[in-house]
Amino acid sequence: MTITTSSPATSVPTPSDLAPITVDLYRDIHKGIRAELFATTLDAGRLDPSDDVGRAALGAQVDGLVRFLVQHAEHEDGAIQPVLETELPDLAETIAGQHTTLEAALVRLTELAQLARVAPQHHQRLRVHQLHVELAAFTSEYLAHQDLEERMVMPALEAAVGVEAVLGIHAAIVGPMPPEELMASLAVMLPAMN
């Protein structure tokens, strides 16, 4: 592979590629999700496949990640998606399609985690490797989804409805969250925040 350089103005993203916004619905939760995705993928990659306890722990870790991502998507679909459908229908359609694709991938991750958990000795290495590769592929897809939300959806949303309405969306997400769910979200976000 040959790496060539070109002028920074055309090839290297700069901070100006992110539109300035006043209220960012995605920033902190996305940082936490990235940290969880990376940690789970790394843990799967370094797990000794013959470690029964480790495979069970990884399965539980994947299950927890999946539950968290499903809850996150439910909050987005409940509070952000209706506004997108009204104000930014093309972006709403794209996001809805991506959410459907990601949900199917989450089902696959859950299945692979279960297979890794209960794999007989002669399949342990294969099952753990399959789970690791699927986690890496899912993480890549999820990062692209987050990038769309952060670079396109959030600035367009704030421009379309204004800061006060975005604050209202934030309240609609956080307000009805049960305390245990809010604490779980904070436990994921805080270690990843600056």
N, C-alpha and C. Protein backbone atom coordinates (compact mmCIF):
# COMPACT_ATOMS: atom_id res chain seq x y z
N MET A 1 0.85 -1.17 0.00
CA MET A 1 0.00 0.00 0.00
C MET A 1 0.89 1.23 0.00
N THR A 2 0.54 2.18 -0.79
CA THR A 2 1.27 3.43 -0.86
C THR A 2 0.42 4.52 -0.24
N ILE A 3 1.02 5.26 0.63
CA ILE A 3 0.32 6.38 1.26
C ILE A 3 0.86 7.66 0.63
N THR A 4 -0.06 8.44 0.11
CA THR A 4 0.33 9.71 -0.46
C THR A 4 -0.27 10.82 0.37
N THR A 5 0.37 11.93 0.36
CA THR A 5 -0.16 13.07 1.09
C THR A 5 -0.67 14.08 0.10
N SER A 6 -1.64 14.81 0.52
CA SER A 6 -2.16 15.90 -0.29
C SER A 6 -2.37 17.08 0.64
N SER A 7 -2.82 18.15 0.09
CA SER A 7 -2.94 19.34 0.91
C SER A 7 -3.95 19.11 2.03
N PRO A 8 -3.66 19.59 3.22
CA PRO A 8 -4.57 19.41 4.35
C PRO A 8 -5.97 19.96 4.08
N ALA A 9 -6.08 20.93 3.25
CA ALA A 9 -7.39 21.53 2.99
C ALA A 9 -8.34 20.55 2.33
N THR A 10 -7.81 19.53 1.64
CA THR A 10 -8.70 18.62 0.93
C THR A 10 -8.78 17.23 1.54
N SER A 11 -7.84 16.84 2.39
CA SER A 11 -7.86 15.45 2.83
C SER A 11 -7.97 15.24 4.33
N VAL A 12 -7.59 16.21 5.11
CA VAL A 12 -7.60 16.02 6.56
C VAL A 12 -8.76 16.80 7.16
N PRO A 13 -9.68 16.08 7.83
CA PRO A 13 -10.79 16.81 8.44
C PRO A 13 -10.27 17.81 9.48
N THR A 14 -10.93 18.92 9.54
CA THR A 14 -10.56 19.95 10.51
C THR A 14 -11.75 20.17 11.43
N PRO A 15 -11.52 20.81 12.58
CA PRO A 15 -12.65 21.09 13.47
C PRO A 15 -13.80 21.83 12.80
N SER A 16 -13.50 22.59 11.75
CA SER A 16 -14.57 23.32 11.08
C SER A 16 -15.53 22.39 10.35
N ASP A 17 -15.14 21.11 10.17
CA ASP A 17 -16.05 20.16 9.55
C ASP A 17 -17.24 19.86 10.46
N LEU A 18 -17.11 20.14 11.75
CA LEU A 18 -18.22 20.01 12.67
C LEU A 18 -18.84 21.39 12.84
N ALA A 19 -20.07 21.50 12.45
CA ALA A 19 -20.75 22.79 12.57
C ALA A 19 -20.90 23.15 14.04
N PRO A 20 -20.71 24.41 14.37
CA PRO A 20 -20.91 24.81 15.76
C PRO A 20 -22.38 24.70 16.13
N ILE A 21 -22.63 24.07 17.27
CA ILE A 21 -23.99 23.95 17.77
C ILE A 21 -24.00 24.32 19.24
N THR A 22 -25.14 24.72 19.73
CA THR A 22 -25.25 25.15 21.12
C THR A 22 -25.54 23.97 22.03
N VAL A 23 -26.45 23.09 21.64
CA VAL A 23 -26.82 21.93 22.45
C VAL A 23 -26.60 20.68 21.61
N ASP A 24 -25.75 19.79 22.09
CA ASP A 24 -25.42 18.57 21.36
C ASP A 24 -26.06 17.37 22.08
N LEU A 25 -27.08 16.80 21.48
CA LEU A 25 -27.78 15.67 22.07
C LEU A 25 -26.95 14.39 22.04
N TYR A 26 -25.95 14.34 21.19
CA TYR A 26 -25.22 13.10 20.94
C TYR A 26 -23.85 13.02 21.61
N ARG A 27 -23.18 14.13 21.81
CA ARG A 27 -21.76 14.14 22.16
C ARG A 27 -21.40 13.22 23.31
N ASP A 28 -21.95 13.42 24.48
CA ASP A 28 -21.50 12.69 25.65
C ASP A 28 -21.92 11.22 25.63
N ILE A 29 -23.13 10.94 25.21
CA ILE A 29 -23.57 9.55 25.15
C ILE A 29 -22.79 8.80 24.09
N HIS A 30 -22.48 9.44 22.98
CA HIS A 30 -21.71 8.78 21.94
C HIS A 30 -20.28 8.50 22.40
N LYS A 31 -19.70 9.38 23.19
CA LYS A 31 -18.37 9.10 23.74
C LYS A 31 -18.41 7.84 24.59
N GLY A 32 -19.41 7.73 25.43
CA GLY A 32 -19.55 6.55 26.27
C GLY A 32 -19.78 5.29 25.47
N ILE A 33 -20.61 5.38 24.45
CA ILE A 33 -20.87 4.21 23.61
C ILE A 33 -19.60 3.78 22.90
N ARG A 34 -18.85 4.72 22.38
CA ARG A 34 -17.58 4.36 21.73
C ARG A 34 -16.67 3.62 22.71
N ALA A 35 -16.56 4.13 23.92
CA ALA A 35 -15.71 3.48 24.92
C ALA A 35 -16.17 2.05 25.18
N GLU A 36 -17.48 1.83 25.28
CA GLU A 36 -18.02 0.49 25.53
C GLU A 36 -17.79 -0.43 24.34
N LEU A 37 -18.00 0.09 23.13
CA LEU A 37 -17.76 -0.71 21.93
C LEU A 37 -16.29 -1.13 21.84
N PHE A 38 -15.40 -0.17 22.06
CA PHE A 38 -13.97 -0.48 21.96
C PHE A 38 -13.56 -1.48 23.03
N ALA A 39 -14.01 -1.28 24.26
CA ALA A 39 -13.63 -2.16 25.37
C ALA A 39 -14.14 -3.59 25.12
N THR A 40 -15.37 -3.71 24.67
CA THR A 40 -15.93 -5.04 24.44
C THR A 40 -15.22 -5.75 23.30
N THR A 41 -14.93 -5.02 22.24
CA THR A 41 -14.21 -5.61 21.11
C THR A 41 -12.81 -6.04 21.52
N LEU A 42 -12.12 -5.19 22.27
CA LEU A 42 -10.78 -5.55 22.75
C LEU A 42 -10.82 -6.75 23.68
N ASP A 43 -11.79 -6.79 24.57
CA ASP A 43 -11.91 -7.93 25.50
C ASP A 43 -12.15 -9.22 24.73
N ALA A 44 -12.97 -9.17 23.70
CA ALA A 44 -13.23 -10.37 22.90
C ALA A 44 -11.96 -10.81 22.17
N GLY A 45 -11.19 -9.85 21.70
CA GLY A 45 -9.97 -10.18 20.96
C GLY A 45 -8.87 -10.79 21.81
N ARG A 46 -8.84 -10.45 23.08
CA ARG A 46 -7.76 -10.96 23.93
C ARG A 46 -8.18 -12.09 24.86
N LEU A 47 -9.44 -12.52 24.75
CA LEU A 47 -9.93 -13.60 25.61
C LEU A 47 -9.30 -14.94 25.24
N ASP A 48 -8.87 -15.68 26.24
CA ASP A 48 -8.43 -17.06 26.04
C ASP A 48 -9.68 -17.89 25.79
N PRO A 49 -9.83 -18.45 24.58
CA PRO A 49 -11.06 -19.17 24.26
C PRO A 49 -11.34 -20.36 25.16
N SER A 50 -10.33 -20.91 25.81
CA SER A 50 -10.56 -22.06 26.68
C SER A 50 -11.01 -21.66 28.09
N ASP A 51 -11.08 -20.37 28.34
CA ASP A 51 -11.48 -19.86 29.66
C ASP A 51 -13.01 -19.81 29.75
N ASP A 52 -13.60 -20.83 30.39
CA ASP A 52 -15.06 -20.90 30.49
C ASP A 52 -15.65 -19.70 31.21
N VAL A 53 -15.01 -19.30 32.30
CA VAL A 53 -15.50 -18.15 33.07
C VAL A 53 -15.37 -16.88 32.24
N GLY A 54 -14.26 -16.75 31.51
CA GLY A 54 -14.05 -15.58 30.66
C GLY A 54 -15.06 -15.50 29.53
N ARG A 55 -15.39 -16.64 28.93
CA ARG A 55 -16.40 -16.64 27.87
C ARG A 55 -17.76 -16.24 28.42
N ALA A 56 -18.09 -16.72 29.60
CA ALA A 56 -19.37 -16.35 30.24
C ALA A 56 -19.39 -14.85 30.54
N ALA A 57 -18.26 -14.33 31.04
CA ALA A 57 -18.18 -12.90 31.35
C ALA A 57 -18.29 -12.06 30.08
N LEU A 58 -17.64 -12.50 29.01
CA LEU A 58 -17.74 -11.78 27.74
C LEU A 58 -19.17 -11.80 27.23
N GLY A 59 -19.83 -12.95 27.34
CA GLY A 59 -21.23 -13.03 26.92
C GLY A 59 -22.09 -12.05 27.69
N ALA A 60 -21.86 -11.96 28.99
CA ALA A 60 -22.62 -11.00 29.81
C ALA A 60 -22.29 -9.56 29.41
N GLN A 61 -21.03 -9.31 29.09
CA GLN A 61 -20.61 -7.97 28.66
C GLN A 61 -21.31 -7.60 27.35
N VAL A 62 -21.35 -8.53 26.41
CA VAL A 62 -22.02 -8.27 25.13
C VAL A 62 -23.51 -8.05 25.36
N ASP A 63 -24.12 -8.87 26.20
CA ASP A 63 -25.55 -8.71 26.50
C ASP A 63 -25.83 -7.33 27.09
N GLY A 64 -24.97 -6.88 28.00
CA GLY A 64 -25.14 -5.55 28.60
C GLY A 64 -24.98 -4.45 27.57
N LEU A 65 -24.00 -4.59 26.69
CA LEU A 65 -23.80 -3.60 25.62
C LEU A 65 -25.03 -3.55 24.72
N VAL A 66 -25.52 -4.70 24.34
CA VAL A 66 -26.70 -4.75 23.46
C VAL A 66 -27.90 -4.08 24.14
N ARG A 67 -28.14 -4.41 25.41
CA ARG A 67 -29.26 -3.77 26.13
C ARG A 67 -29.10 -2.24 26.14
N PHE A 68 -27.88 -1.79 26.41
CA PHE A 68 -27.63 -0.35 26.47
C PHE A 68 -27.89 0.30 25.10
N LEU A 69 -27.43 -0.33 24.03
CA LEU A 69 -27.62 0.25 22.70
C LEU A 69 -29.09 0.24 22.29
N VAL A 70 -29.82 -0.78 22.69
CA VAL A 70 -31.26 -0.83 22.39
C VAL A 70 -31.97 0.31 23.13
N GLN A 71 -31.64 0.50 24.41
CA GLN A 71 -32.24 1.61 25.17
C GLN A 71 -31.90 2.95 24.53
N HIS A 72 -30.65 3.11 24.13
CA HIS A 72 -30.23 4.36 23.49
C HIS A 72 -31.04 4.61 22.22
N ALA A 73 -31.19 3.59 21.41
CA ALA A 73 -31.96 3.74 20.17
C ALA A 73 -33.43 4.06 20.47
N GLU A 74 -33.97 3.45 21.51
CA GLU A 74 -35.36 3.74 21.89
C GLU A 74 -35.53 5.21 22.28
N HIS A 75 -34.55 5.75 23.00
CA HIS A 75 -34.63 7.17 23.38
C HIS A 75 -34.56 8.05 22.14
N GLU A 76 -33.65 7.72 21.22
CA GLU A 76 -33.56 8.50 19.98
C GLU A 76 -34.84 8.40 19.17
N ASP A 77 -35.33 7.17 19.03
CA ASP A 77 -36.54 6.96 18.22
C ASP A 77 -37.77 7.63 18.84
N GLY A 78 -37.80 7.70 20.17
CA GLY A 78 -38.94 8.30 20.84
C GLY A 78 -38.92 9.82 20.87
N ALA A 79 -37.74 10.41 20.99
CA ALA A 79 -37.67 11.86 21.17
C ALA A 79 -37.12 12.62 19.96
N ILE A 80 -36.16 12.05 19.27
CA ILE A 80 -35.51 12.76 18.16
C ILE A 80 -36.18 12.43 16.83
N GLN A 81 -36.46 11.15 16.60
CA GLN A 81 -36.97 10.72 15.30
C GLN A 81 -38.26 11.42 14.88
N PRO A 82 -39.24 11.61 15.78
CA PRO A 82 -40.45 12.32 15.34
C PRO A 82 -40.17 13.74 14.84
N VAL A 83 -39.23 14.41 15.48
CA VAL A 83 -38.88 15.77 15.04
C VAL A 83 -38.19 15.71 13.69
N LEU A 84 -37.30 14.73 13.51
CA LEU A 84 -36.63 14.58 12.21
C LEU A 84 -37.64 14.29 11.11
N GLU A 85 -38.62 13.45 11.41
CA GLU A 85 -39.62 13.12 10.39
C GLU A 85 -40.40 14.34 9.94
N THR A 86 -40.65 15.26 10.87
CA THR A 86 -41.37 16.48 10.53
C THR A 86 -40.48 17.50 9.85
N GLU A 87 -39.30 17.72 10.42
CA GLU A 87 -38.44 18.82 9.98
C GLU A 87 -37.41 18.42 8.92
N LEU A 88 -36.90 17.19 8.99
CA LEU A 88 -35.81 16.75 8.11
C LEU A 88 -36.11 15.33 7.62
N PRO A 89 -37.14 15.16 6.79
CA PRO A 89 -37.60 13.82 6.43
C PRO A 89 -36.56 12.95 5.74
N ASP A 90 -35.69 13.53 4.93
CA ASP A 90 -34.67 12.71 4.26
C ASP A 90 -33.69 12.12 5.28
N LEU A 91 -33.25 12.95 6.22
CA LEU A 91 -32.36 12.45 7.27
C LEU A 91 -33.09 11.45 8.16
N ALA A 92 -34.36 11.70 8.43
CA ALA A 92 -35.15 10.77 9.26
C ALA A 92 -35.20 9.40 8.61
N GLU A 93 -35.40 9.37 7.31
CA GLU A 93 -35.46 8.09 6.60
C GLU A 93 -34.12 7.36 6.66
N THR A 94 -33.04 8.09 6.49
CA THR A 94 -31.70 7.49 6.56
C THR A 94 -31.44 6.92 7.95
N ILE A 95 -31.74 7.71 8.98
CA ILE A 95 -31.51 7.26 10.35
C ILE A 95 -32.37 6.04 10.67
N ALA A 96 -33.62 6.06 10.27
CA ALA A 96 -34.51 4.91 10.53
C ALA A 96 -33.96 3.65 9.87
N GLY A 97 -33.49 3.78 8.65
CA GLY A 97 -32.91 2.63 7.95
C GLY A 97 -31.67 2.11 8.65
N GLN A 98 -30.82 3.02 9.09
CA GLN A 98 -29.61 2.60 9.81
C GLN A 98 -29.97 1.93 11.13
N HIS A 99 -30.94 2.46 11.83
CA HIS A 99 -31.35 1.85 13.10
C HIS A 99 -31.85 0.42 12.88
N THR A 100 -32.59 0.21 11.81
CA THR A 100 -33.08 -1.14 11.50
C THR A 100 -31.92 -2.09 11.23
N THR A 101 -30.95 -1.64 10.46
CA THR A 101 -29.78 -2.46 10.15
C THR A 101 -28.97 -2.76 11.41
N LEU A 102 -28.78 -1.75 12.25
CA LEU A 102 -28.01 -1.94 13.48
C LEU A 102 -28.73 -2.87 14.45
N GLU A 103 -30.05 -2.79 14.51
CA GLU A 103 -30.82 -3.68 15.39
C GLU A 103 -30.65 -5.14 14.97
N ALA A 104 -30.65 -5.39 13.66
CA ALA A 104 -30.43 -6.75 13.17
C ALA A 104 -29.03 -7.23 13.54
N ALA A 105 -28.05 -6.35 13.47
CA ALA A 105 -26.68 -6.71 13.85
C ALA A 105 -26.59 -7.00 15.34
N LEU A 106 -27.37 -6.30 16.15
CA LEU A 106 -27.37 -6.56 17.59
C LEU A 106 -27.91 -7.96 17.91
N VAL A 107 -28.91 -8.38 17.15
CA VAL A 107 -29.44 -9.73 17.32
C VAL A 107 -28.34 -10.74 17.02
N ARG A 108 -27.61 -10.50 15.97
CA ARG A 108 -26.49 -11.40 15.59
C ARG A 108 -25.43 -11.42 16.68
N LEU A 109 -25.09 -10.28 17.25
CA LEU A 109 -24.10 -10.24 18.33
C LEU A 109 -24.57 -11.07 19.53
N THR A 110 -25.84 -10.94 19.87
CA THR A 110 -26.39 -11.71 20.99
C THR A 110 -26.30 -13.21 20.72
N GLU A 111 -26.63 -13.60 19.51
CA GLU A 111 -26.55 -15.02 19.14
C GLU A 111 -25.12 -15.53 19.22
N LEU A 112 -24.17 -14.76 18.68
CA LEU A 112 -22.77 -15.18 18.70
C LEU A 112 -22.22 -15.22 20.12
N ALA A 113 -22.64 -14.30 20.96
CA ALA A 113 -22.20 -14.32 22.36
C ALA A 113 -22.69 -15.58 23.05
N GLN A 114 -23.91 -15.99 22.76
CA GLN A 114 -24.44 -17.22 23.36
C GLN A 114 -23.69 -18.44 22.83
N LEU A 115 -23.41 -18.46 21.55
CA LEU A 115 -22.66 -19.59 20.99
C LEU A 115 -21.26 -19.68 21.60
N ALA A 116 -20.62 -18.54 21.81
CA ALA A 116 -19.30 -18.53 22.43
C ALA A 116 -19.37 -19.02 23.87
N ARG A 117 -20.42 -18.64 24.58
CA ARG A 117 -20.60 -19.04 25.98
C ARG A 117 -20.65 -20.55 26.15
N VAL A 118 -21.40 -21.20 25.28
CA VAL A 118 -21.68 -22.63 25.47
C VAL A 118 -20.89 -23.52 24.50
N ALA A 119 -19.93 -22.97 23.80
CA ALA A 119 -19.19 -23.73 22.79
C ALA A 119 -18.48 -24.93 23.40
N PRO A 120 -18.60 -26.09 22.76
CA PRO A 120 -17.81 -27.23 23.20
C PRO A 120 -16.33 -26.94 22.94
N GLN A 121 -15.48 -27.68 23.59
CA GLN A 121 -14.05 -27.40 23.57
C GLN A 121 -13.50 -27.25 22.14
N HIS A 122 -13.92 -28.11 21.23
CA HIS A 122 -13.37 -28.06 19.87
C HIS A 122 -13.89 -26.89 19.03
N HIS A 123 -14.86 -26.13 19.55
CA HIS A 123 -15.36 -24.96 18.83
C HIS A 123 -15.10 -23.64 19.57
N GLN A 124 -14.48 -23.68 20.72
CA GLN A 124 -14.31 -22.47 21.52
C GLN A 124 -13.51 -21.39 20.79
N ARG A 125 -12.40 -21.78 20.21
CA ARG A 125 -11.56 -20.79 19.51
C ARG A 125 -12.33 -20.14 18.37
N LEU A 126 -13.02 -20.95 17.58
CA LEU A 126 -13.78 -20.43 16.44
C LEU A 126 -14.89 -19.49 16.91
N ARG A 127 -15.65 -19.90 17.92
CA ARG A 127 -16.79 -19.09 18.38
C ARG A 127 -16.34 -17.75 18.95
N VAL A 128 -15.27 -17.75 19.73
CA VAL A 128 -14.78 -16.49 20.30
C VAL A 128 -14.25 -15.59 19.19
N HIS A 129 -13.56 -16.18 18.21
CA HIS A 129 -13.04 -15.38 17.10
C HIS A 129 -14.19 -14.80 16.27
N GLN A 130 -15.22 -15.61 16.02
CA GLN A 130 -16.38 -15.11 15.28
C GLN A 130 -17.00 -13.91 16.00
N LEU A 131 -17.14 -14.04 17.30
CA LEU A 131 -17.71 -12.94 18.08
C LEU A 131 -16.84 -11.70 18.00
N HIS A 132 -15.53 -11.88 18.11
CA HIS A 132 -14.61 -10.73 18.03
C HIS A 132 -14.71 -10.03 16.68
N VAL A 133 -14.70 -10.81 15.61
CA VAL A 133 -14.77 -10.22 14.27
C VAL A 133 -16.10 -9.50 14.06
N GLU A 134 -17.18 -10.10 14.55
CA GLU A 134 -18.50 -9.47 14.42
C GLU A 134 -18.58 -8.18 15.23
N LEU A 135 -18.00 -8.19 16.43
CA LEU A 135 -17.97 -6.97 17.24
C LEU A 135 -17.19 -5.87 16.53
N ALA A 136 -16.07 -6.22 15.91
CA ALA A 136 -15.27 -5.22 15.19
C ALA A 136 -16.05 -4.65 14.01
N ALA A 137 -16.72 -5.53 13.25
CA ALA A 137 -17.51 -5.07 12.11
C ALA A 137 -18.67 -4.19 12.57
N PHE A 138 -19.34 -4.61 13.63
CA PHE A 138 -20.45 -3.83 14.17
C PHE A 138 -19.96 -2.46 14.64
N THR A 139 -18.83 -2.44 15.33
CA THR A 139 -18.28 -1.18 15.82
C THR A 139 -18.01 -0.23 14.67
N SER A 140 -17.46 -0.75 13.60
CA SER A 140 -17.19 0.08 12.43
C SER A 140 -18.49 0.68 11.88
N GLU A 141 -19.51 -0.15 11.76
CA GLU A 141 -20.80 0.32 11.25
C GLU A 141 -21.44 1.33 12.20
N TYR A 142 -21.32 1.07 13.49
CA TYR A 142 -21.92 1.97 14.47
C TYR A 142 -21.20 3.31 14.50
N LEU A 143 -19.87 3.29 14.34
CA LEU A 143 -19.13 4.55 14.30
C LEU A 143 -19.55 5.41 13.11
N ALA A 144 -19.80 4.78 11.98
CA ALA A 144 -20.26 5.53 10.81
C ALA A 144 -21.64 6.15 11.07
N HIS A 145 -22.49 5.40 11.76
CA HIS A 145 -23.82 5.90 12.12
C HIS A 145 -23.69 7.11 13.06
N GLN A 146 -22.85 6.99 14.06
CA GLN A 146 -22.64 8.11 14.98
C GLN A 146 -22.11 9.33 14.25
N ASP A 147 -21.21 9.11 13.30
CA ASP A 147 -20.64 10.21 12.55
C ASP A 147 -21.73 10.97 11.80
N LEU A 148 -22.66 10.25 11.19
CA LEU A 148 -23.77 10.89 10.49
C LEU A 148 -24.61 11.73 11.46
N GLU A 149 -24.91 11.16 12.62
CA GLU A 149 -25.71 11.89 13.60
C GLU A 149 -24.98 13.14 14.08
N GLU A 150 -23.70 13.03 14.31
CA GLU A 150 -22.95 14.16 14.87
C GLU A 150 -22.65 15.24 13.84
N ARG A 151 -22.26 14.85 12.64
CA ARG A 151 -21.85 15.83 11.62
C ARG A 151 -23.02 16.40 10.83
N MET A 152 -24.08 15.62 10.64
CA MET A 152 -25.17 16.08 9.79
C MET A 152 -26.47 16.30 10.56
N VAL A 153 -26.89 15.30 11.32
CA VAL A 153 -28.20 15.38 11.95
C VAL A 153 -28.25 16.50 12.99
N MET A 154 -27.29 16.52 13.91
CA MET A 154 -27.37 17.48 15.02
C MET A 154 -27.33 18.93 14.53
N PRO A 155 -26.39 19.31 13.66
CA PRO A 155 -26.43 20.71 13.18
C PRO A 155 -27.71 21.03 12.41
N ALA A 156 -28.16 20.09 11.59
CA ALA A 156 -29.39 20.34 10.81
C ALA A 156 -30.60 20.44 11.72
N LEU A 157 -30.63 19.61 12.76
CA LEU A 157 -31.75 19.64 13.70
C LEU A 157 -31.80 20.96 14.45
N GLU A 158 -30.65 21.39 14.97
CA GLU A 158 -30.64 22.66 15.71
C GLU A 158 -31.01 23.83 14.80
N ALA A 159 -30.53 23.79 13.56
CA ALA A 159 -30.86 24.87 12.61
C ALA A 159 -32.36 24.85 12.29
N ALA A 160 -32.94 23.67 12.23
CA ALA A 160 -34.35 23.56 11.84
C ALA A 160 -35.30 23.96 12.96
N VAL A 161 -34.98 23.60 14.21
CA VAL A 161 -35.97 23.82 15.29
C VAL A 161 -35.52 24.84 16.33
N GLY A 162 -34.23 25.15 16.38
CA GLY A 162 -33.74 26.13 17.35
C GLY A 162 -33.28 25.49 18.65
N VAL A 163 -32.52 26.26 19.40
CA VAL A 163 -31.90 25.77 20.63
C VAL A 163 -32.94 25.37 21.67
N GLU A 164 -33.97 26.18 21.85
CA GLU A 164 -34.98 25.88 22.87
C GLU A 164 -35.67 24.54 22.60
N ALA A 165 -35.98 24.28 21.36
CA ALA A 165 -36.61 23.01 21.01
C ALA A 165 -35.67 21.84 21.24
N VAL A 166 -34.38 22.03 20.94
CA VAL A 166 -33.39 20.96 21.19
C VAL A 166 -33.29 20.70 22.69
N LEU A 167 -33.32 21.75 23.49
CA LEU A 167 -33.35 21.55 24.95
C LEU A 167 -34.59 20.77 25.37
N GLY A 168 -35.71 21.02 24.72
CA GLY A 168 -36.92 20.27 24.99
C GLY A 168 -36.78 18.80 24.63
N ILE A 169 -36.10 18.51 23.53
CA ILE A 169 -35.84 17.13 23.14
C ILE A 169 -34.96 16.46 24.20
N HIS A 170 -33.94 17.17 24.65
CA HIS A 170 -33.07 16.62 25.70
C HIS A 170 -33.88 16.28 26.94
N ALA A 171 -34.75 17.18 27.34
CA ALA A 171 -35.60 16.93 28.51
C ALA A 171 -36.52 15.74 28.28
N ALA A 172 -37.00 15.58 27.04
CA ALA A 172 -37.87 14.45 26.72
C ALA A 172 -37.12 13.12 26.77
N ILE A 173 -35.82 13.16 26.54
CA ILE A 173 -35.00 11.95 26.63
C ILE A 173 -34.70 11.63 28.09
N VAL A 174 -34.19 12.61 28.82
CA VAL A 174 -33.68 12.38 30.17
C VAL A 174 -34.79 12.35 31.21
N GLY A 175 -35.79 13.19 31.06
CA GLY A 175 -36.83 13.33 32.07
C GLY A 175 -37.52 12.03 32.48
N PRO A 176 -37.99 11.24 31.53
CA PRO A 176 -38.71 10.02 31.92
C PRO A 176 -37.82 8.82 32.25
N MET A 177 -36.51 8.97 32.17
CA MET A 177 -35.63 7.83 32.43
C MET A 177 -35.73 7.42 33.90
N PRO A 178 -35.93 6.13 34.16
CA PRO A 178 -35.91 5.67 35.55
C PRO A 178 -34.52 5.90 36.15
N PRO A 179 -34.43 6.11 37.45
CA PRO A 179 -33.13 6.41 38.07
C PRO A 179 -32.05 5.38 37.75
N GLU A 180 -32.40 4.09 37.74
CA GLU A 180 -31.39 3.07 37.48
C GLU A 180 -30.86 3.15 36.05
N GLU A 181 -31.72 3.52 35.10
CA GLU A 181 -31.28 3.68 33.72
C GLU A 181 -30.42 4.93 33.57
N LEU A 182 -30.81 6.00 34.24
CA LEU A 182 -30.02 7.22 34.23
C LEU A 182 -28.64 6.98 34.82
N MET A 183 -28.58 6.24 35.93
CA MET A 183 -27.28 5.94 36.56
C MET A 183 -26.42 5.07 35.64
N ALA A 184 -27.05 4.11 34.96
CA ALA A 184 -26.30 3.27 34.02
C ALA A 184 -25.73 4.11 32.87
N SER A 185 -26.51 5.05 32.39
CA SER A 185 -26.04 5.93 31.32
C SER A 185 -24.88 6.79 31.79
N LEU A 186 -25.01 7.35 32.98
CA LEU A 186 -23.92 8.16 33.53
C LEU A 186 -22.67 7.34 33.74
N ALA A 187 -22.83 6.08 34.17
CA ALA A 187 -21.67 5.22 34.39
C ALA A 187 -20.92 4.95 33.10
N VAL A 188 -21.62 4.96 31.98
CA VAL A 188 -20.99 4.77 30.67
C VAL A 188 -20.39 6.09 30.18
N MET A 189 -21.10 7.20 30.38
CA MET A 189 -20.67 8.48 29.84
C MET A 189 -19.51 9.12 30.60
N LEU A 190 -19.63 9.17 31.91
CA LEU A 190 -18.66 9.94 32.70
C LEU A 190 -17.20 9.55 32.46
N PRO A 191 -16.85 8.25 32.45
CA PRO A 191 -15.44 7.91 32.23
C PRO A 191 -14.92 8.31 30.85
N ALA A 192 -15.84 8.50 29.92
CA ALA A 192 -15.42 8.83 28.54
C ALA A 192 -15.41 10.32 28.25
N MET A 193 -15.90 11.13 29.20
CA MET A 193 -16.03 12.57 28.97
C MET A 193 -14.75 13.30 29.36
N ASN A 194 -14.50 14.44 28.70
CA ASN A 194 -13.37 15.27 29.07
C ASN A 194 -13.74 16.15 30.24
